Protein backbone atom coordinates (compact mmCIF):
# COMPACT_ATOMS: atom_id res chain seq x y z
CA MET A 1 23.67 1.67 25.12
CA GLN A 2 22.04 -1.39 23.64
CA THR A 3 20.59 -4.35 25.73
CA LYS A 4 19.97 -7.67 24.16
CA THR A 5 16.02 -8.40 23.71
CA THR A 6 13.85 -10.63 21.29
CA PRO A 7 12.99 -9.77 17.90
CA ALA A 8 9.45 -9.22 18.78
CA LYS A 9 10.20 -6.80 21.33
CA ALA A 10 12.43 -4.86 19.36
CA LEU A 11 9.88 -4.99 16.39
CA LYS A 12 7.36 -3.03 18.48
CA ARG A 13 9.76 0.06 18.41
CA LYS A 14 10.16 0.23 14.62
CA TYR A 15 7.64 2.72 14.21
CA PRO A 16 6.87 5.05 12.25
CA GLU A 17 6.73 3.19 9.17
CA SER A 18 5.08 3.39 6.13
CA VAL A 19 1.45 2.34 4.95
CA VAL A 20 0.11 2.26 1.64
CA LEU A 21 -3.08 1.18 -0.23
CA VAL A 22 -2.60 -1.23 -3.10
CA THR A 23 -5.40 -1.40 -5.47
CA THR A 24 -5.90 -3.95 -8.12
CA ARG A 25 -8.52 -4.74 -10.91
CA GLY A 26 -9.70 -8.39 -12.02
CA ARG A 27 -10.02 -9.52 -15.44
CA LYS A 28 -13.86 -9.42 -14.95
CA GLY A 29 -13.51 -5.79 -13.68
CA GLN A 30 -13.89 -6.08 -10.09
CA ALA A 31 -11.76 -3.26 -8.24
CA ASN A 32 -9.98 -4.15 -4.96
CA VAL A 33 -8.03 -2.29 -2.29
CA MET A 34 -5.92 -3.55 0.51
CA ALA A 35 -3.82 -1.48 3.27
CA VAL A 36 -0.19 -2.81 3.27
CA GLY A 37 2.60 -2.10 5.82
CA TRP A 38 5.28 -4.42 4.23
CA VAL A 39 6.24 -1.87 1.63
CA ALA A 40 9.82 -0.59 0.18
CA SER A 41 11.65 0.76 -2.65
CA ALA A 42 13.20 -1.95 -4.26
CA SER A 43 14.94 -0.01 -7.01
CA GLU A 44 15.65 3.66 -8.10
CA GLU A 45 16.61 2.52 -11.66
CA PRO A 46 14.33 1.53 -13.00
CA PRO A 47 11.92 2.21 -9.95
CA MET A 48 10.47 -0.68 -8.34
CA PHE A 49 8.59 -1.62 -5.08
CA VAL A 50 8.37 -4.72 -3.10
CA LEU A 51 5.36 -5.39 -1.08
CA GLY A 52 4.51 -8.20 1.24
CA ILE A 53 1.04 -9.56 0.64
CA ASP A 54 -0.31 -12.85 2.01
CA SER A 55 -0.76 -15.45 -0.37
CA GLY A 56 -4.47 -15.75 0.74
CA ALA A 57 -5.35 -12.13 0.30
CA PHE A 58 -7.68 -11.46 -2.71
CA THR A 59 -5.31 -8.58 -3.73
CA TYR A 60 -2.51 -11.23 -4.19
CA ARG A 61 -4.94 -13.36 -6.46
CA LEU A 62 -5.90 -10.60 -8.62
CA ILE A 63 -2.20 -9.16 -8.84
CA ARG A 64 -1.28 -12.80 -9.83
CA GLU A 65 -4.10 -12.85 -12.42
CA THR A 66 -3.67 -9.42 -14.10
CA GLY A 67 -0.03 -8.53 -13.51
CA GLU A 68 -0.52 -5.17 -12.40
CA PHE A 69 -1.52 -2.89 -9.40
CA VAL A 70 -1.43 0.53 -7.96
CA VAL A 71 0.75 1.56 -4.80
CA ALA A 72 -0.99 4.54 -3.50
CA PHE A 73 0.33 6.51 -0.35
CA PRO A 74 -2.66 7.83 1.60
CA ASN A 75 -2.92 11.46 3.12
CA GLU A 76 -3.01 11.84 6.96
CA GLN A 77 -7.04 12.26 6.66
CA MET A 78 -7.48 8.56 5.17
CA GLY A 79 -7.00 6.77 8.40
CA PRO A 80 -10.56 5.68 8.59
CA GLN A 81 -10.38 4.54 4.98
CA VAL A 82 -7.08 2.90 5.46
CA LEU A 83 -8.39 0.90 8.47
CA TYR A 84 -11.41 -0.22 6.65
CA ALA A 85 -9.26 -1.35 3.82
CA GLY A 86 -6.99 -3.30 5.80
CA SER A 87 -9.68 -4.84 7.94
CA HIS A 88 -12.32 -6.21 5.26
CA HIS A 89 -11.88 -8.87 2.73
CA GLY A 90 -12.32 -8.04 -0.89
CA HIS A 91 -13.25 -11.71 -1.73
CA LYS A 92 -16.94 -10.94 -0.40
CA LEU A 93 -17.44 -7.12 -0.71
CA ASP A 94 -16.46 -3.96 -2.56
CA LYS A 95 -14.15 -2.24 -0.42
CA PHE A 96 -14.17 1.01 -2.27
CA SER A 97 -17.67 1.60 -1.76
CA GLY A 98 -17.43 0.39 1.84
CA SER A 99 -14.81 2.84 2.64
CA GLY A 100 -15.73 5.77 0.80
CA LEU A 101 -12.48 6.10 -1.39
CA LYS A 102 -12.60 8.10 -4.30
CA THR A 103 -10.92 6.60 -7.45
CA GLN A 104 -9.89 7.82 -10.77
CA ASP A 105 -8.53 6.07 -13.67
CA GLY A 106 -4.83 5.51 -14.38
CA THR A 107 -2.74 5.96 -17.43
CA VAL A 108 -1.24 2.44 -18.00
CA VAL A 109 -2.72 0.01 -15.78
CA LYS A 110 -6.29 -1.15 -15.22
CA ALA A 111 -6.22 -0.80 -11.55
CA PRO A 112 -7.67 2.40 -10.07
CA LEU A 113 -5.78 5.32 -8.79
CA VAL A 114 -6.72 6.71 -5.15
CA ALA A 115 -8.05 10.23 -6.06
CA ASP A 116 -7.02 11.81 -2.53
CA ALA A 117 -3.70 9.89 -2.06
CA VAL A 118 -0.45 11.79 -1.73
CA VAL A 119 1.00 9.85 -4.84
CA ASN A 120 0.02 6.96 -6.66
CA PHE A 121 2.34 4.44 -8.71
CA GLU A 122 1.00 2.51 -11.33
CA CYS A 123 3.19 -1.04 -11.30
CA LYS A 124 3.68 -4.01 -13.64
CA LEU A 125 4.52 -7.27 -11.62
CA VAL A 126 8.29 -8.04 -11.98
CA ARG A 127 8.42 -11.28 -9.84
CA ILE A 128 7.02 -12.77 -6.78
CA VAL A 129 9.23 -14.19 -4.35
CA LYS A 130 8.78 -16.38 -0.98
CA PRO A 131 11.84 -16.01 1.16
CA GLY A 132 9.75 -16.60 4.31
CA ASP A 133 5.86 -17.17 5.41
CA CYS A 134 4.69 -13.98 3.37
CA PRO A 135 5.07 -13.69 -0.73
CA LEU A 136 7.01 -10.55 -1.87
CA ILE A 137 5.52 -8.94 -4.70
CA ILE A 138 8.13 -6.89 -6.89
CA GLY A 139 6.59 -4.34 -9.45
CA ARG A 140 8.07 -1.60 -11.53
CA VAL A 141 6.54 1.59 -11.88
CA VAL A 142 5.26 2.52 -15.37
CA ALA A 143 3.68 5.77 -14.30
CA ALA A 144 3.35 8.05 -11.29
CA HIS A 145 0.80 10.69 -10.27
CA HIS A 146 0.96 13.16 -7.40
CA HIS A 147 -1.71 15.17 -5.35
CA ARG A 148 -2.24 18.66 -6.88
CA ASN A 149 -1.76 20.35 -3.42
CA PRO A 150 1.78 19.97 -2.41
CA SER A 151 0.64 20.63 1.16
CA VAL A 152 -1.01 17.06 1.52
CA ARG A 153 1.05 15.07 3.82
CA ARG A 154 1.23 11.07 3.96
CA LEU A 155 -0.14 9.00 6.48
CA TYR A 156 1.89 6.52 8.66
CA THR A 157 1.55 3.81 11.11
CA VAL A 158 3.01 5.38 14.10
CA GLY A 159 2.59 2.55 16.69
CA PRO A 160 1.27 -0.88 17.43
CA GLY A 161 -2.39 -1.86 17.01
CA HIS A 162 -2.57 0.06 13.65
CA ARG A 163 -2.34 3.49 15.11
CA LEU A 164 -2.10 5.96 12.57
CA SER A 165 -1.22 9.48 12.18
CA GLY A 166 0.70 11.73 10.18
CA ILE A 167 4.31 13.13 10.93
CA ARG A 168 5.24 16.73 11.47
CA VAL A 169 8.76 17.79 10.75
CA ILE A 170 10.55 19.97 13.05
CA ASN A 171 13.31 22.16 11.61
CA ALA A 172 16.47 22.39 14.03
């Protein structure tokens, strides 16, 4: 049975939800990483993602500058690195060094892959739309990579206040 509530209260019960790391590399070579919670598949054919990234973010600026980025799904052991990437600003520091995230080169875009992520998707910018207060970045997947170990599981946001954890599947 449903009871009427406010959108703000209902949104507190939306968990678990995805969290990704978005990597970029500027024209001058500076790499950046940002934790993003507003992420969804936008198309299966061709494969595309949509990301909500604030227009003041360094990541947003680099995506507009280069037209490319990587969407990396972190593994369940990467909570501290994800929190670091989401709570520091790339305008002023190297978040890869500060977080300890390991990278490797992609095959199509210049933005780095996150070496320990479950999967990485290299993307080219398709469009930026602004339906509300947060721009939505739509990117087409141009290359994909997965972790060698198939038992590595994804990290999720499991509750308010940036609570992160893996999720276990129970077979009924």
